[in-house]
Amino acid sequence: MRVMQVLISAIHLVFMMLIISVGSFFVMLYYKPEFIESFINYMLDNPEIVLKIGLFILASAFILFISFYQLHKKQYLKVLMKKNKTDVDTKLIRNYIEKYFDSIYPDKKNRVQVNVDEKDKLEIIAKVDTLDDKKEFLLNIEEKIGKLLLEHLDYDKEFIFTIKEK
């Protein structure tokens, strides 16, 4: 999981807890009617609190909107072709690499994550079961995945490949 996704998930957790506490407060007001009158009197005595609550809710909604957008933003890789540029969804690249791993190790479950960094560099993170011959695998993987990306997407740039054993 990327750092940004962890941060956005933490923001969502805080907002969820805030919404639960506000909901619990109003449920408590229903069961304790004497608190309703004191709550209303407090609001009438301090009208600026209504403005502060409104601004806080608007700011919270704005932050929540931005964080949802960041969390679900798709990543695309720009591939320079002979006549024009095109955008490739990272899910497509992940599918190609997962099929490649399934063809090499059909009996093992492998997970692949594909990211594109700020400089449009492709980063491939593969989580595989224990490898039998690590040296041979690592020597061949750059060539094989590079060839796969070149054949299917005409991608001949440098990429980062990270392998993690489960």
C-alpha atoms as a PDB file:
ATOM      1  CA  MET A   1       0.000   0.000   0.000  1.00  0.00           C
ATOM      2  CA  ARG A   2       1.370   3.399  -0.921  1.00  0.00           C
ATOM      3  CA  VAL A   3       1.963   6.087   1.703  1.00  0.00           C
ATOM      4  CA  MET A   4      -0.706   8.331   0.178  1.00  0.00           C
ATOM      5  CA  GLN A   5      -3.317   5.584   0.462  1.00  0.00           C
ATOM      6  CA  VAL A   6      -2.447   5.033   4.136  1.00  0.00           C
ATOM      7  CA  LEU A   7      -2.710   8.766   4.834  1.00  0.00           C
ATOM      8  CA  ILE A   8      -6.046   9.076   3.051  1.00  0.00           C
ATOM      9  CA  SER A   9      -7.382   6.012   4.856  1.00  0.00           C
ATOM     10  CA  ALA A  10      -6.395   7.587   8.181  1.00  0.00           C
ATOM     11  CA  ILE A  11      -8.218  10.797   7.234  1.00  0.00           C
ATOM     12  CA  HIS A  12     -11.323   8.778   6.388  1.00  0.00           C
ATOM     13  CA  LEU A  13     -11.102   6.976   9.730  1.00  0.00           C
ATOM     14  CA  VAL A  14     -11.001  10.293  11.612  1.00  0.00           C
ATOM     15  CA  PHE A  15     -13.997  11.625   9.671  1.00  0.00           C
ATOM     16  CA  MET A  16     -15.920   8.412  10.231  1.00  0.00           C
ATOM     17  CA  MET A  17     -15.316   8.657  13.980  1.00  0.00           C
ATOM     18  CA  LEU A  18     -16.404  12.308  13.925  1.00  0.00           C
ATOM     19  CA  ILE A  19     -19.631  11.450  12.110  1.00  0.00           C
ATOM     20  CA  ILE A  20     -20.325   8.597  14.547  1.00  0.00           C
ATOM     21  CA  SER A  21     -19.799  10.919  17.523  1.00  0.00           C
ATOM     22  CA  VAL A  22     -22.124  13.604  16.081  1.00  0.00           C
ATOM     23  CA  GLY A  23     -24.752  10.955  15.363  1.00  0.00           C
ATOM     24  CA  SER A  24     -24.396   9.561  18.891  1.00  0.00           C
ATOM     25  CA  PHE A  25     -24.787  13.076  20.316  1.00  0.00           C
ATOM     26  CA  PHE A  26     -28.100  13.604  18.539  1.00  0.00           C
ATOM     27  CA  VAL A  27     -29.360  10.143  19.515  1.00  0.00           C
ATOM     28  CA  MET A  28     -28.479  11.041  23.120  1.00  0.00           C
ATOM     29  CA  LEU A  29     -30.499  14.263  22.760  1.00  0.00           C
ATOM     30  CA  TYR A  30     -33.521  12.203  21.742  1.00  0.00           C
ATOM     31  CA  TYR A  31     -33.315  10.034  24.857  1.00  0.00           C
ATOM     32  CA  LYS A  32     -32.490  12.930  27.225  1.00  0.00           C
ATOM     33  CA  PRO A  33     -34.940  15.754  26.336  1.00  0.00           C
ATOM     34  CA  GLU A  34     -33.601  17.981  29.135  1.00  0.00           C
ATOM     35  CA  PHE A  35     -30.312  18.251  27.215  1.00  0.00           C
ATOM     36  CA  ILE A  36     -32.148  19.587  24.149  1.00  0.00           C
ATOM     37  CA  GLU A  37     -33.225  22.735  25.978  1.00  0.00           C
ATOM     38  CA  SER A  38     -29.747  23.369  27.389  1.00  0.00           C
ATOM     39  CA  PHE A  39     -28.211  22.720  23.947  1.00  0.00           C
ATOM     40  CA  ILE A  40     -30.606  25.211  22.300  1.00  0.00           C
ATOM     41  CA  ASN A  41     -30.001  27.810  25.034  1.00  0.00           C
ATOM     42  CA  TYR A  42     -26.246  27.431  24.559  1.00  0.00           C
ATOM     43  CA  MET A  43     -26.646  27.947  20.798  1.00  0.00           C
ATOM     44  CA  LEU A  44     -28.810  31.049  21.380  1.00  0.00           C
ATOM     45  CA  ASP A  45     -26.326  32.497  23.878  1.00  0.00           C
ATOM     46  CA  ASN A  46     -23.346  31.867  21.539  1.00  0.00           C
ATOM     47  CA  PRO A  47     -24.481  32.393  17.914  1.00  0.00           C
ATOM     48  CA  GLU A  48     -20.870  32.424  16.648  1.00  0.00           C
ATOM     49  CA  ILE A  49     -20.659  28.702  17.483  1.00  0.00           C
ATOM     50  CA  VAL A  50     -23.141  28.026  14.662  1.00  0.00           C
ATOM     51  CA  LEU A  51     -20.797  29.755  12.201  1.00  0.00           C
ATOM     52  CA  LYS A  52     -17.819  27.757  13.498  1.00  0.00           C
ATOM     53  CA  ILE A  53     -19.728  24.474  13.219  1.00  0.00           C
ATOM     54  CA  GLY A  54     -20.835  25.341   9.677  1.00  0.00           C
ATOM     55  CA  LEU A  55     -17.320  26.260   8.567  1.00  0.00           C
ATOM     56  CA  PHE A  56     -15.916  23.105  10.158  1.00  0.00           C
ATOM     57  CA  ILE A  57     -18.468  20.919   8.356  1.00  0.00           C
ATOM     58  CA  LEU A  58     -17.776  22.653   5.021  1.00  0.00           C
ATOM     59  CA  ALA A  59     -14.008  22.259   5.457  1.00  0.00           C
ATOM     60  CA  SER A  60     -14.458  18.614   6.447  1.00  0.00           C
ATOM     61  CA  ALA A  61     -16.610  17.940   3.397  1.00  0.00           C
ATOM     62  CA  PHE A  62     -14.042  19.606   1.135  1.00  0.00           C
ATOM     63  CA  ILE A  63     -11.158  17.591   2.605  1.00  0.00           C
ATOM     64  CA  LEU A  64     -13.201  14.406   2.346  1.00  0.00           C
ATOM     65  CA  PHE A  65     -14.011  15.155  -1.305  1.00  0.00           C
ATOM     66  CA  ILE A  66     -10.352  15.782  -2.165  1.00  0.00           C
ATOM     67  CA  SER A  67      -9.176  12.676  -0.326  1.00  0.00           C
ATOM     68  CA  PHE A  68     -11.758  10.458  -2.048  1.00  0.00           C
ATOM     69  CA  TYR A  69     -10.573  11.841  -5.369  1.00  0.00           C
ATOM     70  CA  GLN A  70      -6.937  11.113  -4.511  1.00  0.00           C
ATOM     71  CA  LEU A  71      -7.757   7.619  -3.298  1.00  0.00           C
ATOM     72  CA  HIS A  72      -9.634   6.600  -6.420  1.00  0.00           C
ATOM     73  CA  LYS A  73      -7.593   8.476  -8.999  1.00  0.00           C
ATOM     74  CA  LYS A  74      -6.459   6.130 -11.742  1.00  0.00           C
ATOM     75  CA  GLN A  75      -2.848   5.974 -12.759  1.00  0.00           C
ATOM     76  CA  TYR A  76      -1.853   6.074 -16.393  1.00  0.00           C
ATOM     77  CA  LEU A  77       1.454   5.524 -18.074  1.00  0.00           C
ATOM     78  CA  LYS A  78       2.237   7.692 -21.086  1.00  0.00           C
ATOM     79  CA  VAL A  79       3.728   5.611 -23.868  1.00  0.00           C
ATOM     80  CA  LEU A  80       5.444   7.545 -26.639  1.00  0.00           C
ATOM     81  CA  MET A  81       4.609   5.957 -29.956  1.00  0.00           C
ATOM     82  CA  LYS A  82       5.926   6.877 -33.369  1.00  0.00           C
ATOM     83  CA  LYS A  83       3.222   9.406 -34.236  1.00  0.00           C
ATOM     84  CA  ASN A  84       1.449  10.239 -30.982  1.00  0.00           C
ATOM     85  CA  LYS A  85       1.251   9.702 -27.252  1.00  0.00           C
ATOM     86  CA  THR A  86      -1.228   7.436 -25.554  1.00  0.00           C
ATOM     87  CA  ASP A  87      -2.228   6.701 -21.966  1.00  0.00           C
ATOM     88  CA  VAL A  88      -2.222   3.132 -20.697  1.00  0.00           C
ATOM     89  CA  ASP A  89      -4.175   2.124 -17.605  1.00  0.00           C
ATOM     90  CA  THR A  90      -1.948   0.454 -15.011  1.00  0.00           C
ATOM     91  CA  LYS A  91      -4.540  -2.320 -14.660  1.00  0.00           C
ATOM     92  CA  LEU A  92      -3.732  -3.401 -18.210  1.00  0.00           C
ATOM     93  CA  ILE A  93      -0.024  -3.638 -17.409  1.00  0.00           C
ATOM     94  CA  ARG A  94      -0.792  -5.521 -14.188  1.00  0.00           C
ATOM     95  CA  ASN A  95      -2.923  -8.028 -16.124  1.00  0.00           C
ATOM     96  CA  TYR A  96      -0.101  -8.696 -18.604  1.00  0.00           C
ATOM     97  CA  ILE A  97       2.412  -9.280 -15.819  1.00  0.00           C
ATOM     98  CA  GLU A  98       0.023 -11.454 -13.780  1.00  0.00           C
ATOM     99  CA  LYS A  99      -0.586 -13.640 -16.843  1.00  0.00           C
ATOM    100  CA  TYR A 100       3.163 -13.894 -17.324  1.00  0.00           C
ATOM    101  CA  PHE A 101       3.678 -15.024 -13.713  1.00  0.00           C
ATOM    102  CA  ASP A 102       0.793 -17.484 -14.023  1.00  0.00           C
ATOM    103  CA  SER A 103       2.478 -19.007 -17.071  1.00  0.00           C
ATOM    104  CA  ILE A 104       5.787 -19.398 -15.205  1.00  0.00           C
ATOM    105  CA  TYR A 105       4.338 -20.569 -11.875  1.00  0.00           C
ATOM    106  CA  PRO A 106       0.824 -21.892 -12.541  1.00  0.00           C
ATOM    107  CA  ASP A 107       0.545 -23.618  -9.165  1.00  0.00           C
ATOM    108  CA  LYS A 108       1.505 -20.546  -7.103  1.00  0.00           C
ATOM    109  CA  LYS A 109      -0.627 -17.524  -6.320  1.00  0.00           C
ATOM    110  CA  ASN A 110       1.148 -14.307  -7.251  1.00  0.00           C
ATOM    111  CA  ARG A 111       0.081 -10.708  -6.697  1.00  0.00           C
ATOM    112  CA  VAL A 112       1.332  -7.798  -8.758  1.00  0.00           C
ATOM    113  CA  GLN A 113       1.001  -4.079  -8.105  1.00  0.00           C
ATOM    114  CA  VAL A 114       1.852  -1.504 -10.768  1.00  0.00           C
ATOM    115  CA  ASN A 115       2.504   2.171  -9.999  1.00  0.00           C
ATOM    116  CA  VAL A 116       3.647   5.138 -12.046  1.00  0.00           C
ATOM    117  CA  ASP A 117       5.861   7.630 -10.210  1.00  0.00           C
ATOM    118  CA  GLU A 118       6.057  11.403 -10.737  1.00  0.00           C
ATOM    119  CA  LYS A 119       8.516  11.079 -13.612  1.00  0.00           C
ATOM    120  CA  ASP A 120       6.351   8.563 -15.528  1.00  0.00           C
ATOM    121  CA  LYS A 121       8.645   5.733 -14.502  1.00  0.00           C
ATOM    122  CA  LEU A 122       6.920   2.379 -14.259  1.00  0.00           C
ATOM    123  CA  GLU A 123       7.235   0.561 -10.934  1.00  0.00           C
ATOM    124  CA  ILE A 124       6.245  -3.110 -10.726  1.00  0.00           C
ATOM    125  CA  ILE A 125       5.948  -4.783  -7.322  1.00  0.00           C
ATOM    126  CA  ALA A 126       5.460  -8.554  -7.412  1.00  0.00           C
ATOM    127  CA  LYS A 127       4.570 -10.610  -4.351  1.00  0.00           C
ATOM    128  CA  VAL A 128       5.383 -14.230  -5.078  1.00  0.00           C
ATOM    129  CA  ASP A 129       5.594 -17.437  -3.115  1.00  0.00           C
ATOM    130  CA  THR A 130       9.092 -18.654  -2.334  1.00  0.00           C
ATOM    131  CA  LEU A 131      11.233 -19.014  -5.415  1.00  0.00           C
ATOM    132  CA  ASP A 132      13.141 -22.188  -6.176  1.00  0.00           C
ATOM    133  CA  ASP A 133      16.064 -20.636  -8.044  1.00  0.00           C
ATOM    134  CA  LYS A 134      16.282 -16.942  -7.157  1.00  0.00           C
ATOM    135  CA  LYS A 135      19.438 -16.167  -9.098  1.00  0.00           C
ATOM    136  CA  GLU A 136      18.130 -17.535 -12.385  1.00  0.00           C
ATOM    137  CA  PHE A 137      14.755 -15.891 -11.868  1.00  0.00           C
ATOM    138  CA  LEU A 138      16.219 -12.450 -11.176  1.00  0.00           C
ATOM    139  CA  LEU A 139      18.588 -12.659 -14.141  1.00  0.00           C
ATOM    140  CA  ASN A 140      15.780 -13.457 -16.565  1.00  0.00           C
ATOM    141  CA  ILE A 141      12.985 -11.310 -15.172  1.00  0.00           C
ATOM    142  CA  GLU A 142      14.216  -7.951 -16.470  1.00  0.00           C
ATOM    143  CA  GLU A 143      14.608  -9.308 -19.973  1.00  0.00           C
ATOM    144  CA  LYS A 144      11.278 -11.161 -20.009  1.00  0.00           C
ATOM    145  CA  ILE A 145       9.146  -8.366 -18.539  1.00  0.00           C
ATOM    146  CA  GLY A 146      10.943  -5.787 -20.671  1.00  0.00           C
ATOM    147  CA  LYS A 147      10.183  -7.864 -23.759  1.00  0.00           C
ATOM    148  CA  LEU A 148       6.553  -8.285 -22.645  1.00  0.00           C
ATOM    149  CA  LEU A 149       6.112  -4.518 -22.215  1.00  0.00           C
ATOM    150  CA  LEU A 150       7.821  -3.826 -25.526  1.00  0.00           C
ATOM    151  CA  GLU A 151       5.726  -6.339 -27.474  1.00  0.00           C
ATOM    152  CA  HIS A 152       2.342  -5.379 -26.050  1.00  0.00           C
ATOM    153  CA  LEU A 153       2.721  -1.672 -25.245  1.00  0.00           C
ATOM    154  CA  ASP A 154       5.802  -0.519 -27.169  1.00  0.00           C
ATOM    155  CA  TYR A 155       7.319   0.505 -23.810  1.00  0.00           C
ATOM    156  CA  ASP A 156      11.102   0.424 -23.989  1.00  0.00           C
ATOM    157  CA  LYS A 157      11.986   2.769 -21.118  1.00  0.00           C
ATOM    158  CA  GLU A 158      13.579   1.857 -17.827  1.00  0.00           C
ATOM    159  CA  PHE A 159      11.312   0.417 -15.146  1.00  0.00           C
ATOM    160  CA  ILE A 160      11.657  -0.529 -11.489  1.00  0.00           C
ATOM    161  CA  PHE A 161      10.953  -4.141 -10.571  1.00  0.00           C
ATOM    162  CA  THR A 162      10.589  -5.109  -6.920  1.00  0.00           C
ATOM    163  CA  ILE A 163       9.980  -8.670  -5.840  1.00  0.00           C
ATOM    164  CA  LYS A 164       8.704  -9.623  -2.392  1.00  0.00           C
ATOM    165  CA  GLU A 165       8.491 -13.153  -1.092  1.00  0.00           C
ATOM    166  CA  LYS A 166       5.396 -14.009   0.922  1.00  0.00           C
END
